[in-house]
Amino acid sequence: MHHLLLVLSATPSPVPTPGLREGITEDQITPGLWGFIMTAFFVLATTLLIVDMVRRIRRVRYRAQVEEERQAAAAAADIEADEVRHPAEDGRHSIQDGSDTNRPGTKD
């Protein structure tokens, strides 16, 4: 452990060099025009993909919501149809065909 600390403390820190190395120009170390064009292309493509993804997610959510509402309406219609076909058996009768068989004096 002591040897590692000794080695780390003995390592000299790099000295910054002023300017560029001989034979290297600014064009060789900067991204330049092509770097800017490629970065702009990737940003634009990513933005378009995100916008498209958000639009598709909204469409799926809307379709799911419409389907749930349709199923709820169908279930409510089924419940109403069942009540008309099978009236509640609590002593009350619904008139389905226009005749009331519970009135006194009527023929069965």
N, C-alpha and C. Protein backbone atom coordinates (compact mmCIF):
# COMPACT_ATOMS: atom_id res chain seq x y z
N MET A 1 0.83 -1.19 0.00
CA MET A 1 0.00 0.00 0.00
C MET A 1 0.87 1.25 0.00
N HIS A 2 1.92 1.23 0.80
CA HIS A 2 2.82 2.39 0.88
C HIS A 2 3.55 2.61 -0.44
N HIS A 3 3.83 1.51 -1.14
CA HIS A 3 4.53 1.64 -2.41
C HIS A 3 3.64 2.32 -3.45
N LEU A 4 2.33 2.00 -3.42
CA LEU A 4 1.40 2.62 -4.37
C LEU A 4 1.32 4.12 -4.13
N LEU A 5 1.23 4.53 -2.88
CA LEU A 5 1.19 5.95 -2.58
C LEU A 5 2.48 6.64 -2.98
N LEU A 6 3.59 5.96 -2.80
CA LEU A 6 4.88 6.52 -3.17
C LEU A 6 4.96 6.70 -4.69
N VAL A 7 4.44 5.73 -5.45
CA VAL A 7 4.48 5.82 -6.90
C VAL A 7 3.54 6.93 -7.39
N LEU A 8 2.34 7.01 -6.79
CA LEU A 8 1.41 8.04 -7.20
C LEU A 8 1.91 9.44 -6.87
N SER A 9 2.58 9.60 -5.77
CA SER A 9 3.07 10.92 -5.40
C SER A 9 4.32 11.29 -6.20
N ALA A 10 5.03 10.31 -6.73
CA ALA A 10 6.25 10.58 -7.48
C ALA A 10 5.97 10.91 -8.94
N THR A 11 4.73 10.62 -9.42
CA THR A 11 4.42 10.88 -10.82
C THR A 11 4.28 12.38 -11.04
N PRO A 12 5.06 12.95 -11.98
CA PRO A 12 4.95 14.39 -12.21
C PRO A 12 3.66 14.71 -12.95
N SER A 13 3.11 15.88 -12.71
CA SER A 13 1.90 16.30 -13.40
C SER A 13 2.30 16.82 -14.78
N PRO A 14 1.43 16.61 -15.78
CA PRO A 14 1.79 17.06 -17.13
C PRO A 14 1.80 18.58 -17.22
N VAL A 15 2.69 19.06 -17.99
CA VAL A 15 2.83 20.50 -18.18
C VAL A 15 2.10 20.86 -19.47
N PRO A 16 1.14 21.79 -19.41
CA PRO A 16 0.43 22.15 -20.65
C PRO A 16 1.39 22.81 -21.63
N THR A 17 1.22 22.41 -22.88
CA THR A 17 2.08 22.99 -23.91
C THR A 17 1.35 24.15 -24.57
N PRO A 18 2.03 25.23 -24.78
CA PRO A 18 1.38 26.36 -25.44
C PRO A 18 1.24 26.09 -26.93
N GLY A 19 0.03 26.34 -27.47
CA GLY A 19 -0.19 26.18 -28.91
C GLY A 19 -0.31 24.72 -29.32
N LEU A 20 -0.21 24.51 -30.63
CA LEU A 20 -0.34 23.17 -31.19
C LEU A 20 1.04 22.59 -31.47
N ARG A 21 1.03 21.27 -31.58
CA ARG A 21 2.27 20.58 -31.95
C ARG A 21 2.66 20.96 -33.37
N GLU A 22 3.89 20.81 -33.68
CA GLU A 22 4.34 21.14 -35.04
C GLU A 22 3.71 20.18 -36.05
N GLY A 23 3.20 20.71 -37.14
CA GLY A 23 2.63 19.91 -38.21
C GLY A 23 1.12 19.71 -38.08
N ILE A 24 0.50 20.18 -36.98
CA ILE A 24 -0.94 20.03 -36.78
C ILE A 24 -1.59 21.40 -36.94
N THR A 25 -2.68 21.45 -37.71
CA THR A 25 -3.41 22.70 -37.90
C THR A 25 -4.74 22.63 -37.14
N GLU A 26 -5.43 23.75 -37.03
CA GLU A 26 -6.72 23.82 -36.34
C GLU A 26 -7.74 22.91 -36.99
N ASP A 27 -7.72 22.77 -38.31
CA ASP A 27 -8.68 21.93 -39.02
C ASP A 27 -8.55 20.45 -38.65
N GLN A 28 -7.38 20.05 -38.21
CA GLN A 28 -7.15 18.64 -37.89
C GLN A 28 -7.65 18.27 -36.49
N ILE A 29 -7.91 19.23 -35.65
CA ILE A 29 -8.35 18.89 -34.30
C ILE A 29 -9.77 19.36 -33.99
N THR A 30 -10.41 20.08 -34.87
CA THR A 30 -11.79 20.51 -34.64
C THR A 30 -12.72 19.72 -35.55
N PRO A 31 -13.98 19.59 -35.16
CA PRO A 31 -14.90 18.81 -35.99
C PRO A 31 -15.17 19.45 -37.35
N GLY A 32 -15.10 20.74 -37.44
CA GLY A 32 -15.28 21.41 -38.71
C GLY A 32 -16.72 21.40 -39.19
N LEU A 33 -16.89 21.69 -40.48
CA LEU A 33 -18.22 21.79 -41.07
C LEU A 33 -18.93 20.44 -41.08
N TRP A 34 -18.22 19.37 -41.45
CA TRP A 34 -18.85 18.05 -41.49
C TRP A 34 -19.29 17.58 -40.11
N GLY A 35 -18.54 17.89 -39.12
CA GLY A 35 -18.94 17.55 -37.74
C GLY A 35 -20.21 18.27 -37.34
N PHE A 36 -20.30 19.54 -37.70
CA PHE A 36 -21.51 20.30 -37.40
C PHE A 36 -22.70 19.74 -38.16
N ILE A 37 -22.52 19.43 -39.44
CA ILE A 37 -23.62 18.90 -40.26
C ILE A 37 -24.10 17.56 -39.71
N MET A 38 -23.18 16.68 -39.35
CA MET A 38 -23.58 15.37 -38.82
C MET A 38 -24.28 15.52 -37.46
N THR A 39 -23.80 16.40 -36.61
CA THR A 39 -24.45 16.61 -35.31
C THR A 39 -25.85 17.18 -35.51
N ALA A 40 -25.99 18.15 -36.41
CA ALA A 40 -27.31 18.72 -36.69
C ALA A 40 -28.24 17.65 -37.26
N PHE A 41 -27.74 16.78 -38.12
CA PHE A 41 -28.55 15.70 -38.68
C PHE A 41 -29.05 14.76 -37.59
N PHE A 42 -28.17 14.35 -36.68
CA PHE A 42 -28.58 13.44 -35.60
C PHE A 42 -29.59 14.10 -34.65
N VAL A 43 -29.40 15.38 -34.39
CA VAL A 43 -30.36 16.09 -33.53
C VAL A 43 -31.72 16.17 -34.21
N LEU A 44 -31.73 16.50 -35.49
CA LEU A 44 -32.99 16.58 -36.23
C LEU A 44 -33.67 15.22 -36.33
N ALA A 45 -32.91 14.18 -36.64
CA ALA A 45 -33.48 12.83 -36.74
C ALA A 45 -34.04 12.38 -35.40
N THR A 46 -33.32 12.63 -34.32
CA THR A 46 -33.80 12.25 -32.99
C THR A 46 -35.07 13.00 -32.63
N THR A 47 -35.11 14.29 -32.94
CA THR A 47 -36.32 15.09 -32.66
C THR A 47 -37.52 14.56 -33.43
N LEU A 48 -37.33 14.25 -34.71
CA LEU A 48 -38.43 13.71 -35.51
C LEU A 48 -38.90 12.35 -34.99
N LEU A 49 -37.97 11.51 -34.58
CA LEU A 49 -38.34 10.20 -34.03
C LEU A 49 -39.13 10.36 -32.72
N ILE A 50 -38.73 11.28 -31.88
CA ILE A 50 -39.43 11.50 -30.60
C ILE A 50 -40.84 12.02 -30.87
N VAL A 51 -40.98 12.97 -31.79
CA VAL A 51 -42.30 13.51 -32.11
C VAL A 51 -43.21 12.41 -32.67
N ASP A 52 -42.67 11.57 -33.55
CA ASP A 52 -43.45 10.47 -34.11
C ASP A 52 -43.85 9.47 -33.03
N MET A 53 -42.94 9.16 -32.12
CA MET A 53 -43.24 8.22 -31.04
C MET A 53 -44.34 8.75 -30.13
N VAL A 54 -44.28 10.03 -29.79
CA VAL A 54 -45.30 10.64 -28.94
C VAL A 54 -46.66 10.60 -29.64
N ARG A 55 -46.68 10.88 -30.93
CA ARG A 55 -47.93 10.84 -31.70
C ARG A 55 -48.52 9.43 -31.71
N ARG A 56 -47.68 8.43 -31.89
CA ARG A 56 -48.16 7.04 -31.90
C ARG A 56 -48.66 6.60 -30.53
N ILE A 57 -47.98 7.02 -29.48
CA ILE A 57 -48.43 6.66 -28.12
C ILE A 57 -49.78 7.30 -27.83
N ARG A 58 -49.96 8.57 -28.22
CA ARG A 58 -51.26 9.23 -28.03
C ARG A 58 -52.36 8.50 -28.79
N ARG A 59 -52.07 8.07 -30.01
CA ARG A 59 -53.06 7.37 -30.82
C ARG A 59 -53.45 6.05 -30.15
N VAL A 60 -52.49 5.32 -29.63
CA VAL A 60 -52.78 4.05 -28.96
C VAL A 60 -53.62 4.29 -27.71
N ARG A 61 -53.27 5.31 -26.93
CA ARG A 61 -54.04 5.62 -25.73
C ARG A 61 -55.47 6.03 -26.08
N TYR A 62 -55.63 6.82 -27.13
CA TYR A 62 -56.96 7.26 -27.54
C TYR A 62 -57.79 6.08 -28.00
N ARG A 63 -57.19 5.19 -28.79
CA ARG A 63 -57.91 4.01 -29.25
C ARG A 63 -58.32 3.12 -28.08
N ALA A 64 -57.45 2.97 -27.09
CA ALA A 64 -57.79 2.17 -25.91
C ALA A 64 -58.94 2.81 -25.14
N GLN A 65 -58.91 4.13 -25.02
CA GLN A 65 -59.98 4.84 -24.30
C GLN A 65 -61.31 4.69 -25.04
N VAL A 66 -61.30 4.82 -26.36
CA VAL A 66 -62.53 4.66 -27.14
C VAL A 66 -63.05 3.23 -27.01
N GLU A 67 -62.15 2.26 -27.05
CA GLU A 67 -62.55 0.85 -26.92
C GLU A 67 -63.17 0.58 -25.55
N GLU A 68 -62.58 1.14 -24.48
CA GLU A 68 -63.15 0.98 -23.14
C GLU A 68 -64.54 1.59 -23.06
N GLU A 69 -64.71 2.77 -23.64
CA GLU A 69 -66.03 3.41 -23.63
C GLU A 69 -67.05 2.59 -24.42
N ARG A 70 -66.60 2.03 -25.55
CA ARG A 70 -67.49 1.20 -26.36
C ARG A 70 -67.90 -0.06 -25.59
N GLN A 71 -66.95 -0.68 -24.91
CA GLN A 71 -67.27 -1.87 -24.13
C GLN A 71 -68.19 -1.54 -22.96
N ALA A 72 -67.96 -0.40 -22.32
CA ALA A 72 -68.83 0.00 -21.21
C ALA A 72 -70.24 0.26 -21.71
N ALA A 73 -70.38 0.90 -22.87
CA ALA A 73 -71.70 1.16 -23.43
C ALA A 73 -72.38 -0.15 -23.82
N ALA A 74 -71.62 -1.09 -24.37
CA ALA A 74 -72.19 -2.38 -24.75
C ALA A 74 -72.63 -3.15 -23.51
N ALA A 75 -71.84 -3.08 -22.45
CA ALA A 75 -72.20 -3.76 -21.20
C ALA A 75 -73.46 -3.14 -20.61
N ALA A 76 -73.57 -1.83 -20.65
CA ALA A 76 -74.77 -1.15 -20.13
C ALA A 76 -75.98 -1.53 -20.97
N ALA A 77 -75.81 -1.62 -22.28
CA ALA A 77 -76.92 -2.02 -23.15
C ALA A 77 -77.33 -3.46 -22.88
N ASP A 78 -76.37 -4.33 -22.62
CA ASP A 78 -76.68 -5.73 -22.28
C ASP A 78 -77.45 -5.82 -20.98
N ILE A 79 -77.06 -5.02 -19.99
CA ILE A 79 -77.75 -5.02 -18.70
C ILE A 79 -79.19 -4.55 -18.89
N GLU A 80 -79.38 -3.49 -19.67
CA GLU A 80 -80.74 -2.99 -19.92
C GLU A 80 -81.57 -4.03 -20.67
N ALA A 81 -80.97 -4.71 -21.63
CA ALA A 81 -81.69 -5.73 -22.39
C ALA A 81 -82.07 -6.91 -21.49
N ASP A 82 -81.18 -7.28 -20.58
CA ASP A 82 -81.48 -8.35 -19.64
C ASP A 82 -82.62 -7.97 -18.71
N GLU A 83 -82.66 -6.71 -18.28
CA GLU A 83 -83.73 -6.25 -17.40
C GLU A 83 -85.08 -6.27 -18.12
N VAL A 84 -85.08 -5.96 -19.41
CA VAL A 84 -86.32 -5.98 -20.18
C VAL A 84 -86.77 -7.43 -20.38
N ARG A 85 -85.83 -8.33 -20.68
CA ARG A 85 -86.18 -9.73 -20.91
C ARG A 85 -86.54 -10.46 -19.63
N HIS A 86 -85.82 -10.18 -18.56
CA HIS A 86 -86.03 -10.85 -17.27
C HIS A 86 -86.28 -9.80 -16.20
N PRO A 87 -87.52 -9.40 -16.02
CA PRO A 87 -87.79 -8.36 -15.03
C PRO A 87 -87.46 -8.85 -13.63
N ALA A 88 -87.20 -7.92 -12.76
CA ALA A 88 -86.86 -8.24 -11.38
C ALA A 88 -88.05 -8.95 -10.74
N GLU A 89 -87.76 -9.97 -9.95
CA GLU A 89 -88.84 -10.75 -9.34
C GLU A 89 -89.10 -10.25 -7.93
N ASP A 90 -89.55 -9.03 -7.81
CA ASP A 90 -89.88 -8.47 -6.49
C ASP A 90 -91.35 -8.11 -6.42
N GLY A 91 -92.19 -8.76 -7.21
CA GLY A 91 -93.61 -8.50 -7.18
C GLY A 91 -94.06 -7.54 -8.25
N ARG A 92 -93.16 -6.81 -8.84
CA ARG A 92 -93.50 -5.89 -9.92
C ARG A 92 -93.28 -6.57 -11.24
N HIS A 93 -94.12 -6.29 -12.21
CA HIS A 93 -93.98 -6.87 -13.54
C HIS A 93 -93.86 -5.74 -14.55
N SER A 94 -93.07 -5.98 -15.55
CA SER A 94 -92.99 -4.97 -16.60
C SER A 94 -93.92 -5.38 -17.72
N ILE A 95 -94.43 -4.41 -18.42
CA ILE A 95 -95.35 -4.67 -19.52
C ILE A 95 -94.52 -4.74 -20.79
N GLN A 96 -94.40 -5.95 -21.35
CA GLN A 96 -93.57 -6.12 -22.53
C GLN A 96 -94.41 -6.15 -23.80
N ASP A 97 -95.59 -6.81 -23.74
CA ASP A 97 -96.37 -6.93 -24.96
C ASP A 97 -97.65 -6.11 -24.93
N GLY A 98 -97.77 -5.23 -23.95
CA GLY A 98 -98.94 -4.35 -23.87
C GLY A 98 -100.08 -4.96 -23.08
N SER A 99 -100.01 -6.20 -22.62
CA SER A 99 -101.08 -6.79 -21.83
C SER A 99 -100.65 -6.90 -20.38
N ASP A 100 -101.61 -6.71 -19.49
CA ASP A 100 -101.34 -6.81 -18.07
C ASP A 100 -102.18 -7.96 -17.53
N THR A 101 -101.55 -9.04 -17.13
CA THR A 101 -102.28 -10.22 -16.69
C THR A 101 -102.61 -10.17 -15.21
N ASN A 102 -102.14 -9.19 -14.49
CA ASN A 102 -102.38 -9.11 -13.05
C ASN A 102 -103.63 -8.30 -12.71
N ARG A 103 -104.32 -7.71 -13.67
CA ARG A 103 -105.51 -6.93 -13.39
C ARG A 103 -106.68 -7.88 -13.12
N PRO A 104 -107.49 -7.55 -12.13
CA PRO A 104 -108.63 -8.39 -11.89
C PRO A 104 -109.63 -8.29 -13.03
N GLY A 105 -110.21 -9.40 -13.36
CA GLY A 105 -111.23 -9.41 -14.40
C GLY A 105 -110.67 -9.66 -15.78
N THR A 106 -109.39 -9.92 -15.89
CA THR A 106 -108.83 -10.22 -17.23
C THR A 106 -108.72 -11.71 -17.39
N LYS A 107 -108.77 -12.15 -18.60
CA LYS A 107 -108.66 -13.58 -18.88
C LYS A 107 -107.22 -13.95 -19.15
N ASP A 108 -106.85 -15.12 -18.70
CA ASP A 108 -105.48 -15.61 -18.92
C ASP A 108 -105.31 -16.23 -20.26
